[in-house]
Amino acid sequence: MTVNKELNGSELVVSVSGRIDTTTAPTLEAEIKGSLDGVQKLVLDIADVEYVSSAGLRVFLSTHKTMLKQGGMVIKNVSESVKEIFEVTGFSDILTIE
């Protein structure tokens, strides 16, 4: 998994590629949490993410809760396989997915 971050004023764009699973989810969580000071909008670009496990879903949910207090979070460029995971788990009803 690779994570790239780009801060534009109060908007942070985090681009993730690879798999978000039990092994990589803690790294992703640390990367995001350590970058949220002053961020009002978080954009997670997961175009190159091929799989999200329950550990990855937990990272998305906890980050979503944090960002509700600061502004908002959007998940963009979701592949069909990951979109299916969001739909089956009900996360598509909770998260803002574009």
Protein backbone atom coordinates (compact mmCIF):
# COMPACT_ATOMS: atom_id res chain seq x y z
CA MET A 1 0.00 0.00 0.00
CA THR A 2 1.19 3.50 -0.79
CA VAL A 3 -0.22 6.76 0.56
CA ASN A 4 0.29 10.21 -0.97
CA LYS A 5 -0.99 13.38 0.67
CA GLU A 6 -1.55 16.82 -0.81
CA LEU A 7 -2.70 19.75 1.33
CA ASN A 8 -4.50 22.59 -0.45
CA GLY A 9 -5.40 25.16 2.20
CA SER A 10 -7.90 23.43 4.46
CA GLU A 11 -8.48 20.52 2.05
CA LEU A 12 -6.37 17.37 2.31
CA VAL A 13 -6.34 14.89 -0.56
CA VAL A 14 -5.09 11.44 0.41
CA SER A 15 -4.46 9.07 -2.51
CA VAL A 16 -4.17 5.41 -1.57
CA SER A 17 -3.16 2.47 -3.74
CA GLY A 18 -2.88 -1.25 -3.06
CA ARG A 19 -4.74 -3.26 -0.44
CA ILE A 20 -6.17 -1.90 2.80
CA ASP A 21 -6.16 -4.90 5.11
CA THR A 22 -5.15 -5.95 8.62
CA THR A 23 -1.48 -5.36 7.83
CA THR A 24 -1.77 -1.97 6.13
CA ALA A 25 -4.78 -0.38 7.87
CA PRO A 26 -2.80 0.81 10.95
CA THR A 27 -0.32 2.58 8.66
CA LEU A 28 -3.13 4.27 6.74
CA GLU A 29 -4.82 5.34 9.97
CA ALA A 30 -1.58 6.83 11.33
CA GLU A 31 -0.90 8.66 8.04
CA ILE A 32 -4.39 10.21 8.01
CA LYS A 33 -4.73 10.99 11.72
CA GLY A 34 -1.33 12.68 11.77
CA SER A 35 -2.38 15.05 8.99
CA LEU A 36 -5.82 16.29 10.05
CA ASP A 37 -4.88 19.40 12.06
CA GLY A 38 -6.68 22.34 10.45
CA VAL A 39 -8.23 20.19 7.74
CA GLN A 40 -11.88 20.97 7.03
CA LYS A 41 -12.34 18.71 4.01
CA LEU A 42 -10.73 15.31 3.57
CA VAL A 43 -10.79 13.66 0.15
CA LEU A 44 -9.80 10.01 0.02
CA ASP A 45 -8.94 9.01 -3.53
CA ILE A 46 -8.97 5.22 -3.62
CA ALA A 47 -8.91 4.70 -7.40
CA ASP A 48 -5.99 2.27 -7.08
CA VAL A 49 -7.31 0.34 -4.06
CA GLU A 50 -8.22 -3.20 -5.03
CA TYR A 51 -9.41 -4.53 -1.66
CA VAL A 52 -10.65 -3.24 1.71
CA SER A 53 -10.91 -5.55 4.73
CA SER A 54 -12.89 -4.97 7.91
CA ALA A 55 -9.78 -3.29 9.37
CA GLY A 56 -9.81 -0.83 6.47
CA LEU A 57 -13.52 -0.18 6.94
CA ARG A 58 -12.83 0.63 10.60
CA VAL A 59 -10.23 3.23 9.50
CA PHE A 60 -12.76 4.83 7.14
CA LEU A 61 -15.43 4.91 9.86
CA SER A 62 -13.20 6.38 12.58
CA THR A 63 -11.83 8.98 10.14
CA HIS A 64 -15.39 9.83 9.07
CA LYS A 65 -16.37 10.42 12.71
CA THR A 66 -13.34 12.68 13.24
CA MET A 67 -14.06 14.67 10.10
CA LEU A 68 -17.73 15.18 11.03
CA LYS A 69 -16.43 17.44 13.83
CA GLN A 70 -14.01 19.32 11.56
CA GLY A 71 -15.92 19.57 8.29
CA GLY A 72 -16.41 16.59 6.05
CA MET A 73 -14.95 13.62 4.22
CA VAL A 74 -15.49 12.35 0.69
CA ILE A 75 -14.32 9.07 -0.83
CA LYS A 76 -13.66 9.33 -4.57
CA ASN A 77 -12.87 7.02 -7.48
CA VAL A 78 -14.12 3.82 -5.88
CA SER A 79 -13.62 0.68 -7.96
CA GLU A 80 -16.56 -1.67 -8.55
CA SER A 81 -15.13 -4.34 -6.24
CA VAL A 82 -14.62 -1.88 -3.36
CA LYS A 83 -18.01 -0.27 -4.03
CA GLU A 84 -19.57 -3.70 -3.61
CA ILE A 85 -17.84 -4.08 -0.21
CA PHE A 86 -19.24 -0.69 0.86
CA GLU A 87 -22.74 -1.67 -0.28
CA VAL A 88 -22.77 -5.12 1.34
CA THR A 89 -21.56 -3.73 4.67
CA GLY A 90 -23.91 -0.72 4.62
CA PHE A 91 -20.99 1.73 4.55
CA SER A 92 -22.37 3.25 1.35
CA ASP A 93 -25.23 4.62 3.49
CA ILE A 94 -22.84 6.16 6.05
CA LEU A 95 -19.94 7.49 3.97
CA THR A 96 -20.06 10.12 1.23
CA ILE A 97 -18.91 8.30 -1.89
CA GLU A 98 -18.49 10.08 -5.23
